[in-house]
Amino acid sequence: MIAEKARAEHKSVSAYLRDLMTADVQRELQRRAIATWDDELKQTQQRLGITGQGSPSGAEVVREVRDDYARGQE
């Protein structure tokens, strides 16, 4: 089955497996980075006393910035 998939991608079995492992490592590194960022965000929110609840949506923030810009309050 692996040989068939490798052949379908015009790769050797070792190149195919190497690419699979590389993709797996990249996904794991991304998962770890996101988990780290999430932890840092939670720590920063706690330090600043921000609960995250009741935060404006991205659309609301954009709308407010546009309104300020339109009023000349850059």
PDB file of N, CA and C in Angstrom:
ATOM      1  N   MET A   1       0.817  -1.188   0.000  1.00  0.00           N
ATOM      2  CA  MET A   1       0.000   0.000   0.000  1.00  0.00           C
ATOM      3  C   MET A   1       0.866   1.259   0.000  1.00  0.00           C
ATOM      4  N   ILE A   2       1.915   1.281   0.821  1.00  0.00           N
ATOM      5  CA  ILE A   2       2.801   2.439   0.856  1.00  0.00           C
ATOM      6  C   ILE A   2       3.515   2.593  -0.479  1.00  0.00           C
ATOM      7  N   ALA A   3       3.948   1.477  -1.029  1.00  0.00           N
ATOM      8  CA  ALA A   3       4.638   1.527  -2.321  1.00  0.00           C
ATOM      9  C   ALA A   3       3.711   2.080  -3.403  1.00  0.00           C
ATOM     10  N   GLU A   4       2.444   1.708  -3.351  1.00  0.00           N
ATOM     11  CA  GLU A   4       1.477   2.208  -4.336  1.00  0.00           C
ATOM     12  C   GLU A   4       1.289   3.718  -4.206  1.00  0.00           C
ATOM     13  N   LYS A   5       1.187   4.203  -2.971  1.00  0.00           N
ATOM     14  CA  LYS A   5       1.029   5.643  -2.746  1.00  0.00           C
ATOM     15  C   LYS A   5       2.278   6.394  -3.200  1.00  0.00           C
ATOM     16  N   ALA A   6       3.437   5.849  -2.906  1.00  0.00           N
ATOM     17  CA  ALA A   6       4.686   6.479  -3.329  1.00  0.00           C
ATOM     18  C   ALA A   6       4.755   6.551  -4.851  1.00  0.00           C
ATOM     19  N   ARG A   7       4.402   5.450  -5.493  1.00  0.00           N
ATOM     20  CA  ARG A   7       4.405   5.410  -6.956  1.00  0.00           C
ATOM     21  C   ARG A   7       3.421   6.430  -7.522  1.00  0.00           C
ATOM     22  N   ALA A   8       2.253   6.571  -6.913  1.00  0.00           N
ATOM     23  CA  ALA A   8       1.241   7.516  -7.389  1.00  0.00           C
ATOM     24  C   ALA A   8       1.739   8.959  -7.303  1.00  0.00           C
ATOM     25  N   GLU A   9       2.646   9.211  -6.356  1.00  0.00           N
ATOM     26  CA  GLU A   9       3.215  10.557  -6.213  1.00  0.00           C
ATOM     27  C   GLU A   9       4.576  10.683  -6.889  1.00  0.00           C
ATOM     28  N   HIS A  10       4.935   9.653  -7.651  1.00  0.00           N
ATOM     29  CA  HIS A  10       6.209   9.630  -8.380  1.00  0.00           C
ATOM     30  C   HIS A  10       7.397   9.821  -7.444  1.00  0.00           C
ATOM     31  N   LYS A  11       7.365   9.082  -6.333  1.00  0.00           N
ATOM     32  CA  LYS A  11       8.441   9.144  -5.342  1.00  0.00           C
ATOM     33  C   LYS A  11       8.885   7.740  -4.997  1.00  0.00           C
ATOM     34  N   SER A  12      10.095   7.672  -4.471  1.00  0.00           N
ATOM     35  CA  SER A  12      10.535   6.396  -3.921  1.00  0.00           C
ATOM     36  C   SER A  12       9.817   6.203  -2.589  1.00  0.00           C
ATOM     37  N   VAL A  13       9.823   4.951  -2.107  1.00  0.00           N
ATOM     38  CA  VAL A  13       9.179   4.676  -0.821  1.00  0.00           C
ATOM     39  C   VAL A  13       9.856   5.494   0.280  1.00  0.00           C
ATOM     40  N   SER A  14      11.163   5.564   0.269  1.00  0.00           N
ATOM     41  CA  SER A  14      11.861   6.314   1.313  1.00  0.00           C
ATOM     42  C   SER A  14      11.553   7.812   1.233  1.00  0.00           C
ATOM     43  N   ALA A  15      11.474   8.361   0.028  1.00  0.00           N
ATOM     44  CA  ALA A  15      11.127   9.779  -0.124  1.00  0.00           C
ATOM     45  C   ALA A  15       9.695  10.029   0.343  1.00  0.00           C
ATOM     46  N   TYR A  16       8.800   9.118   0.005  1.00  0.00           N
ATOM     47  CA  TYR A  16       7.401   9.234   0.423  1.00  0.00           C
ATOM     48  C   TYR A  16       7.302   9.215   1.947  1.00  0.00           C
ATOM     49  N   LEU A  17       7.978   8.253   2.585  1.00  0.00           N
ATOM     50  CA  LEU A  17       7.947   8.150   4.043  1.00  0.00           C
ATOM     51  C   LEU A  17       8.610   9.361   4.698  1.00  0.00           C
ATOM     52  N   ARG A  18       9.690   9.833   4.111  1.00  0.00           N
ATOM     53  CA  ARG A  18      10.372  11.022   4.642  1.00  0.00           C
ATOM     54  C   ARG A  18       9.439  12.229   4.591  1.00  0.00           C
ATOM     55  N   ASP A  19       8.705  12.382   3.490  1.00  0.00           N
ATOM     56  CA  ASP A  19       7.757  13.488   3.361  1.00  0.00           C
ATOM     57  C   ASP A  19       6.622  13.366   4.381  1.00  0.00           C
ATOM     58  N   LEU A  20       6.149  12.148   4.608  1.00  0.00           N
ATOM     59  CA  LEU A  20       5.113  11.932   5.622  1.00  0.00           C
ATOM     60  C   LEU A  20       5.610  12.322   7.008  1.00  0.00           C
ATOM     61  N   MET A  21       6.826  11.913   7.329  1.00  0.00           N
ATOM     62  CA  MET A  21       7.394  12.237   8.645  1.00  0.00           C
ATOM     63  C   MET A  21       7.614  13.741   8.788  1.00  0.00           C
ATOM     64  N   THR A  22       8.073  14.383   7.724  1.00  0.00           N
ATOM     65  CA  THR A  22       8.285  15.830   7.758  1.00  0.00           C
ATOM     66  C   THR A  22       6.969  16.559   7.997  1.00  0.00           C
ATOM     67  N   ALA A  23       5.930  16.155   7.299  1.00  0.00           N
ATOM     68  CA  ALA A  23       4.616  16.778   7.475  1.00  0.00           C
ATOM     69  C   ALA A  23       4.098  16.555   8.891  1.00  0.00           C
ATOM     70  N   ASP A  24       4.332  15.366   9.420  1.00  0.00           N
ATOM     71  CA  ASP A  24       3.892  15.059  10.789  1.00  0.00           C
ATOM     72  C   ASP A  24       4.623  15.927  11.806  1.00  0.00           C
ATOM     73  N   VAL A  25       5.920  16.092  11.619  1.00  0.00           N
ATOM     74  CA  VAL A  25       6.714  16.932  12.517  1.00  0.00           C
ATOM     75  C   VAL A  25       6.245  18.389  12.428  1.00  0.00           C
ATOM     76  N   GLN A  26       5.982  18.862  11.227  1.00  0.00           N
ATOM     77  CA  GLN A  26       5.510  20.237  11.060  1.00  0.00           C
ATOM     78  C   GLN A  26       4.179  20.441  11.785  1.00  0.00           C
ATOM     79  N   ARG A  27       3.261  19.496  11.664  1.00  0.00           N
ATOM     80  CA  ARG A  27       1.975  19.599  12.368  1.00  0.00           C
ATOM     81  C   ARG A  27       2.178  19.623  13.874  1.00  0.00           C
ATOM     82  N   GLU A  28       3.081  18.784  14.371  1.00  0.00           N
ATOM     83  CA  GLU A  28       3.343  18.738  15.805  1.00  0.00           C
ATOM     84  C   GLU A  28       3.973  20.039  16.292  1.00  0.00           C
ATOM     85  N   LEU A  29       4.906  20.591  15.530  1.00  0.00           N
ATOM     86  CA  LEU A  29       5.521  21.862  15.907  1.00  0.00           C
ATOM     87  C   LEU A  29       4.484  22.986  15.924  1.00  0.00           C
ATOM     88  N   GLN A  30       3.586  22.983  14.943  1.00  0.00           N
ATOM     89  CA  GLN A  30       2.517  23.987  14.916  1.00  0.00           C
ATOM     90  C   GLN A  30       1.597  23.825  16.124  1.00  0.00           C
ATOM     91  N   ARG A  31       1.256  22.585  16.450  1.00  0.00           N
ATOM     92  CA  ARG A  31       0.381  22.330  17.599  1.00  0.00           C
ATOM     93  C   ARG A  31       1.031  22.830  18.878  1.00  0.00           C
ATOM     94  N   ARG A  32       2.310  22.557  19.032  1.00  0.00           N
ATOM     95  CA  ARG A  32       3.031  23.003  20.232  1.00  0.00           C
ATOM     96  C   ARG A  32       3.126  24.519  20.295  1.00  0.00           C
ATOM     97  N   ALA A  33       3.390  25.160  19.153  1.00  0.00           N
ATOM     98  CA  ALA A  33       3.485  26.619  19.119  1.00  0.00           C
ATOM     99  C   ALA A  33       2.146  27.243  19.499  1.00  0.00           C
ATOM    100  N   ILE A  34       1.063  26.713  18.963  1.00  0.00           N
ATOM    101  CA  ILE A  34      -0.262  27.241  19.284  1.00  0.00           C
ATOM    102  C   ILE A  34      -0.570  27.043  20.763  1.00  0.00           C
ATOM    103  N   ALA A  35      -0.218  25.895  21.306  1.00  0.00           N
ATOM    104  CA  ALA A  35      -0.444  25.638  22.735  1.00  0.00           C
ATOM    105  C   ALA A  35       0.364  26.609  23.587  1.00  0.00           C
ATOM    106  N   THR A  36       1.596  26.887  23.184  1.00  0.00           N
ATOM    107  CA  THR A  36       2.437  27.843  23.909  1.00  0.00           C
ATOM    108  C   THR A  36       1.840  29.235  23.843  1.00  0.00           C
ATOM    109  N   TRP A  37       1.408  29.654  22.651  1.00  0.00           N
ATOM    110  CA  TRP A  37       0.802  30.979  22.500  1.00  0.00           C
ATOM    111  C   TRP A  37      -0.477  31.092  23.323  1.00  0.00           C
ATOM    112  N   ASP A  38      -1.258  30.015  23.323  1.00  0.00           N
ATOM    113  CA  ASP A  38      -2.499  30.012  24.092  1.00  0.00           C
ATOM    114  C   ASP A  38      -2.196  30.157  25.585  1.00  0.00           C
ATOM    115  N   ASP A  39      -1.197  29.432  26.077  1.00  0.00           N
ATOM    116  CA  ASP A  39      -0.801  29.547  27.482  1.00  0.00           C
ATOM    117  C   ASP A  39      -0.315  30.965  27.801  1.00  0.00           C
ATOM    118  N   GLU A  40       0.497  31.527  26.914  1.00  0.00           N
ATOM    119  CA  GLU A  40       0.997  32.888  27.131  1.00  0.00           C
ATOM    120  C   GLU A  40      -0.142  33.898  27.135  1.00  0.00           C
ATOM    121  N   LEU A  41      -1.102  33.713  26.243  1.00  0.00           N
ATOM    122  CA  LEU A  41      -2.260  34.603  26.201  1.00  0.00           C
ATOM    123  C   LEU A  41      -3.051  34.519  27.498  1.00  0.00           C
ATOM    124  N   LYS A  42      -3.287  33.308  27.980  1.00  0.00           N
ATOM    125  CA  LYS A  42      -4.022  33.132  29.243  1.00  0.00           C
ATOM    126  C   LYS A  42      -3.276  33.783  30.400  1.00  0.00           C
ATOM    127  N   GLN A  43      -1.957  33.627  30.452  1.00  0.00           N
ATOM    128  CA  GLN A  43      -1.164  34.241  31.519  1.00  0.00           C
ATOM    129  C   GLN A  43      -1.231  35.763  31.442  1.00  0.00           C
ATOM    130  N   THR A  44      -1.141  36.294  30.233  1.00  0.00           N
ATOM    131  CA  THR A  44      -1.217  37.746  30.057  1.00  0.00           C
ATOM    132  C   THR A  44      -2.596  38.264  30.448  1.00  0.00           C
ATOM    133  N   GLN A  45      -3.649  37.539  30.040  1.00  0.00           N
ATOM    134  CA  GLN A  45      -5.006  37.947  30.413  1.00  0.00           C
ATOM    135  C   GLN A  45      -5.176  37.930  31.919  1.00  0.00           C
ATOM    136  N   GLN A  46      -4.643  36.917  32.589  1.00  0.00           N
ATOM    137  CA  GLN A  46      -4.737  36.850  34.040  1.00  0.00           C
ATOM    138  C   GLN A  46      -3.970  38.001  34.687  1.00  0.00           C
ATOM    139  N   ARG A  47      -2.776  38.262  34.186  1.00  0.00           N
ATOM    140  CA  ARG A  47      -1.951  39.326  34.742  1.00  0.00           C
ATOM    141  C   ARG A  47      -2.630  40.684  34.595  1.00  0.00           C
ATOM    142  N   LEU A  48      -3.327  40.885  33.472  1.00  0.00           N
ATOM    143  CA  LEU A  48      -3.994  42.157  33.215  1.00  0.00           C
ATOM    144  C   LEU A  48      -5.428  42.192  33.735  1.00  0.00           C
ATOM    145  N   GLY A  49      -5.901  41.059  34.250  1.00  0.00           N
ATOM    146  CA  GLY A  49      -7.268  41.000  34.763  1.00  0.00           C
ATOM    147  C   GLY A  49      -8.319  40.989  33.669  1.00  0.00           C
ATOM    148  N   ILE A  50      -7.953  40.430  32.524  1.00  0.00           N
ATOM    149  CA  ILE A  50      -8.874  40.339  31.388  1.00  0.00           C
ATOM    150  C   ILE A  50      -9.455  38.933  31.365  1.00  0.00           C
ATOM    151  N   THR A  51     -10.774  38.846  31.334  1.00  0.00           N
ATOM    152  CA  THR A  51     -11.397  37.524  31.344  1.00  0.00           C
ATOM    153  C   THR A  51     -11.593  36.970  29.950  1.00  0.00           C
ATOM    154  N   GLY A  52     -11.630  37.838  28.962  1.00  0.00           N
ATOM    155  CA  GLY A  52     -11.884  37.374  27.602  1.00  0.00           C
ATOM    156  C   GLY A  52     -13.359  37.326  27.272  1.00  0.00           C
ATOM    157  N   GLN A  53     -14.190  37.395  28.300  1.00  0.00           N
ATOM    158  CA  GLN A  53     -15.629  37.402  28.073  1.00  0.00           C
ATOM    159  C   GLN A  53     -16.069  38.841  27.855  1.00  0.00           C
ATOM    160  N   GLY A  54     -17.017  38.997  26.968  1.00  0.00           N
ATOM    161  CA  GLY A  54     -17.515  40.332  26.689  1.00  0.00           C
ATOM    162  C   GLY A  54     -16.598  41.136  25.783  1.00  0.00           C
ATOM    163  N   SER A  55     -15.600  40.503  25.220  1.00  0.00           N
ATOM    164  CA  SER A  55     -14.697  41.187  24.304  1.00  0.00           C
ATOM    165  C   SER A  55     -15.431  41.476  23.003  1.00  0.00           C
ATOM    166  N   PRO A  56     -15.112  42.605  22.377  1.00  0.00           N
ATOM    167  CA  PRO A  56     -15.767  42.915  21.108  1.00  0.00           C
ATOM    168  C   PRO A  56     -15.316  41.953  20.015  1.00  0.00           C
ATOM    169  N   SER A  57     -16.170  41.753  19.058  1.00  0.00           N
ATOM    170  CA  SER A  57     -15.805  40.894  17.930  1.00  0.00           C
ATOM    171  C   SER A  57     -14.835  41.650  17.026  1.00  0.00           C
ATOM    172  N   GLY A  58     -14.190  40.926  16.146  1.00  0.00           N
ATOM    173  CA  GLY A  58     -13.281  41.563  15.200  1.00  0.00           C
ATOM    174  C   GLY A  58     -13.999  42.582  14.339  1.00  0.00           C
ATOM    175  N   ALA A  59     -15.231  42.260  13.944  1.00  0.00           N
ATOM    176  CA  ALA A  59     -16.020  43.184  13.118  1.00  0.00           C
ATOM    177  C   ALA A  59     -16.299  44.476  13.883  1.00  0.00           C
ATOM    178  N   GLU A  60     -16.570  44.357  15.183  1.00  0.00           N
ATOM    179  CA  GLU A  60     -16.834  45.552  15.990  1.00  0.00           C
ATOM    180  C   GLU A  60     -15.592  46.427  16.102  1.00  0.00           C
ATOM    181  N   VAL A  61     -14.447  45.800  16.263  1.00  0.00           N
ATOM    182  CA  VAL A  61     -13.201  46.557  16.352  1.00  0.00           C
ATOM    183  C   VAL A  61     -12.934  47.279  15.047  1.00  0.00           C
ATOM    184  N   VAL A  62     -13.092  46.582  13.922  1.00  0.00           N
ATOM    185  CA  VAL A  62     -12.872  47.204  12.610  1.00  0.00           C
ATOM    186  C   VAL A  62     -13.841  48.359  12.416  1.00  0.00           C
ATOM    187  N   ARG A  63     -15.094  48.162  12.766  1.00  0.00           N
ATOM    188  CA  ARG A  63     -16.107  49.213  12.633  1.00  0.00           C
ATOM    189  C   ARG A  63     -15.711  50.441  13.459  1.00  0.00           C
ATOM    190  N   GLU A  64     -15.251  50.231  14.686  1.00  0.00           N
ATOM    191  CA  GLU A  64     -14.866  51.342  15.554  1.00  0.00           C
ATOM    192  C   GLU A  64     -13.664  52.092  14.991  1.00  0.00           C
ATOM    193  N   VAL A  65     -12.673  51.353  14.482  1.00  0.00           N
ATOM    194  CA  VAL A  65     -11.496  51.996  13.887  1.00  0.00           C
ATOM    195  C   VAL A  65     -11.904  52.805  12.662  1.00  0.00           C
ATOM    196  N   ARG A  66     -12.776  52.242  11.833  1.00  0.00           N
ATOM    197  CA  ARG A  66     -13.240  52.974  10.640  1.00  0.00           C
ATOM    198  C   ARG A  66     -13.997  54.221  11.037  1.00  0.00           C
ATOM    199  N   ASP A  67     -14.844  54.124  12.052  1.00  0.00           N
ATOM    200  CA  ASP A  67     -15.616  55.287  12.505  1.00  0.00           C
ATOM    201  C   ASP A  67     -14.688  56.377  13.025  1.00  0.00           C
ATOM    202  N   ASP A  68     -13.679  55.967  13.816  1.00  0.00           N
ATOM    203  CA  ASP A  68     -12.700  56.937  14.325  1.00  0.00           C
ATOM    204  C   ASP A  68     -11.958  57.602  13.182  1.00  0.00           C
ATOM    205  N   TYR A  69     -11.576  56.811  12.197  1.00  0.00           N
ATOM    206  CA  TYR A  69     -10.848  57.349  11.045  1.00  0.00           C
ATOM    207  C   TYR A  69     -11.727  58.339  10.291  1.00  0.00           C
ATOM    208  N   ALA A  70     -13.013  57.981  10.119  1.00  0.00           N
ATOM    209  CA  ALA A  70     -13.935  58.846   9.399  1.00  0.00           C
ATOM    210  C   ALA A  70     -14.130  60.176  10.154  1.00  0.00           C
ATOM    211  N   ARG A  71     -14.038  60.136  11.466  1.00  0.00           N
ATOM    212  CA  ARG A  71     -14.176  61.354  12.277  1.00  0.00           C
ATOM    213  C   ARG A  71     -12.864  62.110  12.396  1.00  0.00           C
ATOM    214  N   GLY A  72     -11.794  61.571  11.815  1.00  0.00           N
ATOM    215  CA  GLY A  72     -10.493  62.220  11.842  1.00  0.00           C
ATOM    216  C   GLY A  72      -9.720  61.963  13.120  1.00  0.00           C
ATOM    217  N   GLN A  73     -10.045  60.880  13.818  1.00  0.00           N
ATOM    218  CA  GLN A  73      -9.372  60.540  15.071  1.00  0.00           C
ATOM    219  C   GLN A  73      -8.450  59.349  14.881  1.00  0.00           C
ATOM    220  N   GLU A  74      -7.524  59.472  13.968  1.00  0.00           N
ATOM    221  CA  GLU A  74      -6.632  58.349  13.629  1.00  0.00           C
ATOM    222  C   GLU A  74      -5.885  57.839  14.814  1.00  0.00           C
TER     223      GLU A  74
END
